[in-house]
Structures are given as structure tokens and as C-alpha cells.
Amino acid sequence: MAVPILKGLCKIAIGGGALYVSVEQGIWGSSFDGSKTMNKLTGTLQRQDEYLRQIPSTEQLASNTRQSWNSGVKWTFSSLARGPEKAKELGSQAADYVSGSMAK
């Protein structure tokens, strides 16, 4: 019963906080206040231009995603293909271990 109330209060707090910050930044004020806010935001983005240039392009992200996916698929199927050989090897090791334990 308390969880839905807490969820509702959290949603109201997040919405109220967003509204408070936007009012404090002057978004809902005069055009002069909005202009100051826009200049401040633009200045912040210009200083972070170096970081923005380091973000990979969508083509790079798509290529990396395809490569990662393909390597995962290849690894999975090569592991499945080696499964019978590995099972035989592990069975042989287990038989050797058991026979060695009984010989002592």
C-alpha cells in the first residue's frame, strides 16, 4: 500500500524539480531571460566540443555492434561444435582420475 504512494510522490517530486529548475533558469520568463539561458547553454556546449567530437558516429556504432554480435555468434557455434570432443576428453580425464583413485 505504501509503495504506490511512494511511487506517486517520487513522480511528483521529479516533475516539480524539473519545473523548478526550468523556472530558475529563466525558460518561462521574458525573452531576455530565455536568451541568457540559451547563451549560457551554447557556451557550455562549445566548451565541451572536444568531448562531443569523441562520440562515435552511428555508422561506427553499427559496425561495432555487428562485429561484436558476429564474434559472439561465431564463439557460440564453435563451442557447440567442439562440445563432443570436449565431452570425450573430460570423460577420459574423469575415468583416469577414478581409476587412479582406486589404484591407491
N, C-alpha and C. Protein backbone atom coordinates (compact mmCIF):
# COMPACT_ATOMS: atom_id res chain seq x y z
N MET A 1 0.82 -1.18 0.00
CA MET A 1 0.00 0.00 0.00
C MET A 1 0.87 1.26 0.00
N ALA A 2 1.99 1.19 0.68
CA ALA A 2 2.86 2.36 0.76
C ALA A 2 3.67 2.54 -0.52
N VAL A 3 3.90 1.46 -1.25
CA VAL A 3 4.72 1.54 -2.46
C VAL A 3 4.07 2.41 -3.53
N PRO A 4 2.77 2.25 -3.84
CA PRO A 4 2.17 3.13 -4.85
C PRO A 4 2.18 4.60 -4.43
N ILE A 5 2.00 4.84 -3.16
CA ILE A 5 2.03 6.22 -2.66
C ILE A 5 3.43 6.80 -2.82
N LEU A 6 4.45 5.98 -2.48
CA LEU A 6 5.83 6.42 -2.62
C LEU A 6 6.19 6.67 -4.08
N LYS A 7 5.72 5.80 -4.98
CA LYS A 7 5.96 5.99 -6.40
C LYS A 7 5.34 7.30 -6.88
N GLY A 8 4.12 7.55 -6.46
CA GLY A 8 3.43 8.78 -6.85
C GLY A 8 4.15 10.01 -6.35
N LEU A 9 4.60 9.96 -5.10
CA LEU A 9 5.33 11.10 -4.53
C LEU A 9 6.65 11.33 -5.26
N CYS A 10 7.32 10.25 -5.64
CA CYS A 10 8.59 10.40 -6.39
C CYS A 10 8.33 11.03 -7.75
N LYS A 11 7.28 10.62 -8.43
CA LYS A 11 6.96 11.20 -9.73
C LYS A 11 6.64 12.68 -9.60
N ILE A 12 5.88 13.03 -8.56
CA ILE A 12 5.54 14.44 -8.34
C ILE A 12 6.80 15.24 -8.02
N ALA A 13 7.70 14.66 -7.22
CA ALA A 13 8.95 15.35 -6.87
C ALA A 13 9.82 15.57 -8.10
N ILE A 14 9.91 14.58 -8.98
CA ILE A 14 10.72 14.73 -10.19
C ILE A 14 10.13 15.80 -11.09
N GLY A 15 8.83 15.76 -11.28
CA GLY A 15 8.18 16.78 -12.10
C GLY A 15 8.32 18.17 -11.50
N GLY A 16 8.13 18.27 -10.20
CA GLY A 16 8.28 19.57 -9.53
C GLY A 16 9.70 20.09 -9.61
N GLY A 17 10.67 19.17 -9.46
CA GLY A 17 12.07 19.58 -9.56
C GLY A 17 12.41 20.09 -10.95
N ALA A 18 11.90 19.40 -11.97
CA ALA A 18 12.15 19.84 -13.34
C ALA A 18 11.52 21.21 -13.59
N LEU A 19 10.32 21.40 -13.09
CA LEU A 19 9.65 22.70 -13.25
C LEU A 19 10.41 23.79 -12.50
N TYR A 20 10.88 23.49 -11.30
CA TYR A 20 11.63 24.47 -10.51
C TYR A 20 12.91 24.89 -11.22
N VAL A 21 13.66 23.91 -11.73
CA VAL A 21 14.92 24.22 -12.42
C VAL A 21 14.66 25.05 -13.67
N SER A 22 13.61 24.69 -14.42
CA SER A 22 13.32 25.46 -15.63
C SER A 22 12.91 26.90 -15.30
N VAL A 23 12.18 27.09 -14.21
CA VAL A 23 11.81 28.45 -13.81
C VAL A 23 13.03 29.22 -13.36
N GLU A 24 13.91 28.58 -12.58
CA GLU A 24 15.13 29.25 -12.09
C GLU A 24 16.07 29.61 -13.23
N GLN A 25 16.09 28.83 -14.29
CA GLN A 25 16.95 29.11 -15.44
C GLN A 25 16.36 30.18 -16.36
N GLY A 26 15.14 30.56 -16.14
CA GLY A 26 14.54 31.63 -16.91
C GLY A 26 13.87 31.18 -18.19
N ILE A 27 13.59 29.90 -18.30
CA ILE A 27 12.97 29.40 -19.53
C ILE A 27 11.55 29.95 -19.66
N TRP A 28 10.84 30.10 -18.56
CA TRP A 28 9.45 30.56 -18.60
C TRP A 28 9.33 32.07 -18.40
N GLY A 29 10.47 32.75 -18.34
CA GLY A 29 10.44 34.19 -18.12
C GLY A 29 10.36 34.96 -19.42
N SER A 30 10.94 36.14 -19.40
CA SER A 30 10.91 37.00 -20.58
C SER A 30 11.86 36.47 -21.65
N SER A 31 11.79 37.07 -22.82
CA SER A 31 12.68 36.64 -23.90
C SER A 31 14.14 36.96 -23.56
N PHE A 32 14.36 38.01 -22.77
CA PHE A 32 15.72 38.33 -22.35
C PHE A 32 16.28 37.22 -21.47
N ASP A 33 15.50 36.72 -20.53
CA ASP A 33 15.93 35.62 -19.67
C ASP A 33 16.18 34.35 -20.49
N GLY A 34 15.30 34.08 -21.43
CA GLY A 34 15.48 32.92 -22.29
C GLY A 34 16.73 33.03 -23.14
N SER A 35 17.01 34.24 -23.61
CA SER A 35 18.22 34.47 -24.40
C SER A 35 19.47 34.24 -23.57
N LYS A 36 19.46 34.73 -22.32
CA LYS A 36 20.61 34.50 -21.43
C LYS A 36 20.83 33.01 -21.20
N THR A 37 19.74 32.30 -20.98
CA THR A 37 19.83 30.86 -20.76
C THR A 37 20.39 30.16 -21.99
N MET A 38 19.93 30.57 -23.17
CA MET A 38 20.41 29.97 -24.41
C MET A 38 21.89 30.25 -24.62
N ASN A 39 22.35 31.47 -24.31
CA ASN A 39 23.77 31.80 -24.44
C ASN A 39 24.60 30.98 -23.46
N LYS A 40 24.08 30.80 -22.25
CA LYS A 40 24.79 30.00 -21.26
C LYS A 40 24.91 28.55 -21.72
N LEU A 41 23.82 28.03 -22.26
CA LEU A 41 23.82 26.65 -22.75
C LEU A 41 24.75 26.50 -23.94
N THR A 42 24.73 27.45 -24.85
CA THR A 42 25.60 27.40 -26.03
C THR A 42 27.06 27.47 -25.62
N GLY A 43 27.38 28.32 -24.65
CA GLY A 43 28.76 28.41 -24.16
C GLY A 43 29.22 27.10 -23.54
N THR A 44 28.33 26.45 -22.82
CA THR A 44 28.66 25.17 -22.21
C THR A 44 28.93 24.13 -23.28
N LEU A 45 28.11 24.12 -24.33
CA LEU A 45 28.30 23.15 -25.40
C LEU A 45 29.59 23.40 -26.18
N GLN A 46 29.96 24.67 -26.36
CA GLN A 46 31.19 24.97 -27.08
C GLN A 46 32.40 24.50 -26.29
N ARG A 47 32.36 24.61 -24.97
CA ARG A 47 33.49 24.14 -24.15
C ARG A 47 33.60 22.62 -24.18
N GLN A 48 32.50 21.96 -24.41
CA GLN A 48 32.52 20.50 -24.42
C GLN A 48 32.61 19.94 -25.84
N ASP A 49 32.99 20.79 -26.78
CA ASP A 49 33.07 20.37 -28.18
C ASP A 49 34.06 19.23 -28.35
N GLU A 50 35.16 19.26 -27.60
CA GLU A 50 36.16 18.18 -27.69
C GLU A 50 35.54 16.84 -27.31
N TYR A 51 34.74 16.82 -26.28
CA TYR A 51 34.10 15.58 -25.86
C TYR A 51 33.07 15.12 -26.90
N LEU A 52 32.38 16.08 -27.50
CA LEU A 52 31.38 15.73 -28.50
C LEU A 52 32.03 15.14 -29.74
N ARG A 53 33.25 15.57 -30.08
CA ARG A 53 33.94 15.01 -31.24
C ARG A 53 34.39 13.58 -30.99
N GLN A 54 34.55 13.20 -29.73
CA GLN A 54 34.99 11.84 -29.40
C GLN A 54 33.85 10.83 -29.44
N ILE A 55 32.63 11.28 -29.52
CA ILE A 55 31.50 10.36 -29.58
C ILE A 55 31.49 9.70 -30.95
N PRO A 56 31.44 8.37 -30.99
CA PRO A 56 31.48 7.70 -32.29
C PRO A 56 30.22 7.97 -33.11
N SER A 57 30.38 7.89 -34.40
CA SER A 57 29.25 8.12 -35.29
C SER A 57 28.31 6.91 -35.26
N THR A 58 27.13 7.10 -35.82
CA THR A 58 26.17 5.99 -35.84
C THR A 58 26.67 4.85 -36.71
N GLU A 59 27.43 5.17 -37.77
CA GLU A 59 27.99 4.12 -38.61
C GLU A 59 29.00 3.29 -37.84
N GLN A 60 29.84 3.97 -37.05
CA GLN A 60 30.83 3.25 -36.23
C GLN A 60 30.13 2.38 -35.20
N LEU A 61 29.09 2.92 -34.57
CA LEU A 61 28.36 2.13 -33.58
C LEU A 61 27.72 0.91 -34.21
N ALA A 62 27.13 1.10 -35.39
CA ALA A 62 26.50 -0.03 -36.08
C ALA A 62 27.53 -1.08 -36.45
N SER A 63 28.68 -0.63 -36.93
CA SER A 63 29.73 -1.57 -37.32
C SER A 63 30.26 -2.33 -36.10
N ASN A 64 30.49 -1.62 -35.00
CA ASN A 64 30.97 -2.27 -33.78
C ASN A 64 29.95 -3.26 -33.23
N THR A 65 28.68 -2.89 -33.33
CA THR A 65 27.63 -3.77 -32.84
C THR A 65 27.56 -5.04 -33.67
N ARG A 66 27.62 -4.87 -35.00
CA ARG A 66 27.61 -6.05 -35.88
C ARG A 66 28.81 -6.95 -35.61
N GLN A 67 29.97 -6.33 -35.45
CA GLN A 67 31.19 -7.11 -35.22
C GLN A 67 31.11 -7.86 -33.89
N SER A 68 30.63 -7.21 -32.86
CA SER A 68 30.50 -7.87 -31.55
C SER A 68 29.50 -9.00 -31.62
N TRP A 69 28.38 -8.75 -32.28
CA TRP A 69 27.34 -9.77 -32.41
C TRP A 69 27.89 -10.96 -33.18
N ASN A 70 28.55 -10.70 -34.29
CA ASN A 70 29.07 -11.79 -35.12
C ASN A 70 30.13 -12.59 -34.38
N SER A 71 31.00 -11.92 -33.62
CA SER A 71 32.02 -12.67 -32.88
C SER A 71 31.37 -13.54 -31.80
N GLY A 72 30.30 -13.04 -31.19
CA GLY A 72 29.59 -13.84 -30.19
C GLY A 72 28.92 -15.05 -30.80
N VAL A 73 28.33 -14.88 -31.97
CA VAL A 73 27.69 -15.99 -32.66
C VAL A 73 28.74 -17.02 -33.07
N LYS A 74 29.86 -16.55 -33.61
CA LYS A 74 30.93 -17.47 -34.02
C LYS A 74 31.46 -18.26 -32.82
N TRP A 75 31.67 -17.58 -31.69
CA TRP A 75 32.18 -18.25 -30.50
C TRP A 75 31.19 -19.31 -30.01
N THR A 76 29.92 -18.96 -30.00
CA THR A 76 28.89 -19.89 -29.54
C THR A 76 28.87 -21.15 -30.38
N PHE A 77 28.85 -20.99 -31.70
CA PHE A 77 28.75 -22.16 -32.56
C PHE A 77 30.04 -22.95 -32.60
N SER A 78 31.19 -22.30 -32.48
CA SER A 78 32.45 -23.06 -32.42
C SER A 78 32.52 -23.85 -31.11
N SER A 79 31.99 -23.28 -30.03
CA SER A 79 31.95 -24.01 -28.75
C SER A 79 31.02 -25.21 -28.85
N LEU A 80 29.87 -25.01 -29.50
CA LEU A 80 28.95 -26.13 -29.69
C LEU A 80 29.57 -27.21 -30.57
N ALA A 81 30.33 -26.81 -31.58
CA ALA A 81 30.96 -27.77 -32.47
C ALA A 81 32.05 -28.57 -31.74
N ARG A 82 32.74 -27.92 -30.80
CA ARG A 82 33.78 -28.61 -30.03
C ARG A 82 33.21 -29.40 -28.86
N GLY A 83 31.92 -29.30 -28.64
CA GLY A 83 31.28 -29.96 -27.50
C GLY A 83 31.51 -31.45 -27.41
N PRO A 84 31.28 -32.22 -28.47
CA PRO A 84 31.50 -33.66 -28.37
C PRO A 84 32.96 -34.04 -28.08
N GLU A 85 33.89 -33.34 -28.73
CA GLU A 85 35.31 -33.61 -28.47
C GLU A 85 35.66 -33.30 -27.02
N LYS A 86 35.15 -32.18 -26.53
CA LYS A 86 35.45 -31.77 -25.15
C LYS A 86 34.81 -32.75 -24.16
N ALA A 87 33.60 -33.21 -24.45
CA ALA A 87 32.94 -34.17 -23.57
C ALA A 87 33.73 -35.48 -23.52
N LYS A 88 34.23 -35.92 -24.67
CA LYS A 88 35.04 -37.14 -24.72
C LYS A 88 36.32 -36.96 -23.92
N GLU A 89 36.96 -35.80 -24.07
CA GLU A 89 38.20 -35.52 -23.35
C GLU A 89 37.96 -35.48 -21.84
N LEU A 90 36.90 -34.80 -21.42
CA LEU A 90 36.59 -34.71 -19.99
C LEU A 90 36.19 -36.06 -19.43
N GLY A 91 35.47 -36.87 -20.21
CA GLY A 91 35.12 -38.23 -19.77
C GLY A 91 36.35 -39.09 -19.58
N SER A 92 37.29 -38.95 -20.50
CA SER A 92 38.55 -39.70 -20.40
C SER A 92 39.33 -39.28 -19.16
N GLN A 93 39.38 -37.97 -18.90
CA GLN A 93 40.08 -37.47 -17.72
C GLN A 93 39.39 -37.96 -16.44
N ALA A 94 38.08 -37.98 -16.43
CA ALA A 94 37.36 -38.45 -15.27
C ALA A 94 37.61 -39.94 -15.04
N ALA A 95 37.62 -40.71 -16.12
CA ALA A 95 37.88 -42.16 -15.98
C ALA A 95 39.30 -42.40 -15.47
N ASP A 96 40.26 -41.65 -15.97
CA ASP A 96 41.64 -41.78 -15.50
C ASP A 96 41.75 -41.41 -14.02
N TYR A 97 41.04 -40.36 -13.61
CA TYR A 97 41.07 -39.93 -12.22
C TYR A 97 40.46 -40.99 -11.30
N VAL A 98 39.33 -41.54 -11.73
CA VAL A 98 38.66 -42.55 -10.91
C VAL A 98 39.51 -43.83 -10.83
N SER A 99 40.09 -44.24 -11.95
CA SER A 99 40.93 -45.45 -11.93
C SER A 99 42.19 -45.19 -11.12
N GLY A 100 42.71 -44.00 -11.19
CA GLY A 100 43.90 -43.66 -10.39
C GLY A 100 43.57 -43.60 -8.90
N SER A 101 42.38 -43.17 -8.55
CA SER A 101 41.98 -43.09 -7.15
C SER A 101 41.76 -44.47 -6.57
N MET A 102 41.27 -45.39 -7.36
CA MET A 102 41.01 -46.75 -6.88
C MET A 102 42.28 -47.56 -6.79
N ALA A 103 43.30 -47.20 -7.54
CA ALA A 103 44.55 -47.95 -7.53
C ALA A 103 45.36 -47.67 -6.26
N LYS A 104 45.11 -46.58 -5.62
CA LYS A 104 45.91 -46.19 -4.43
C LYS A 104 45.55 -47.01 -3.25
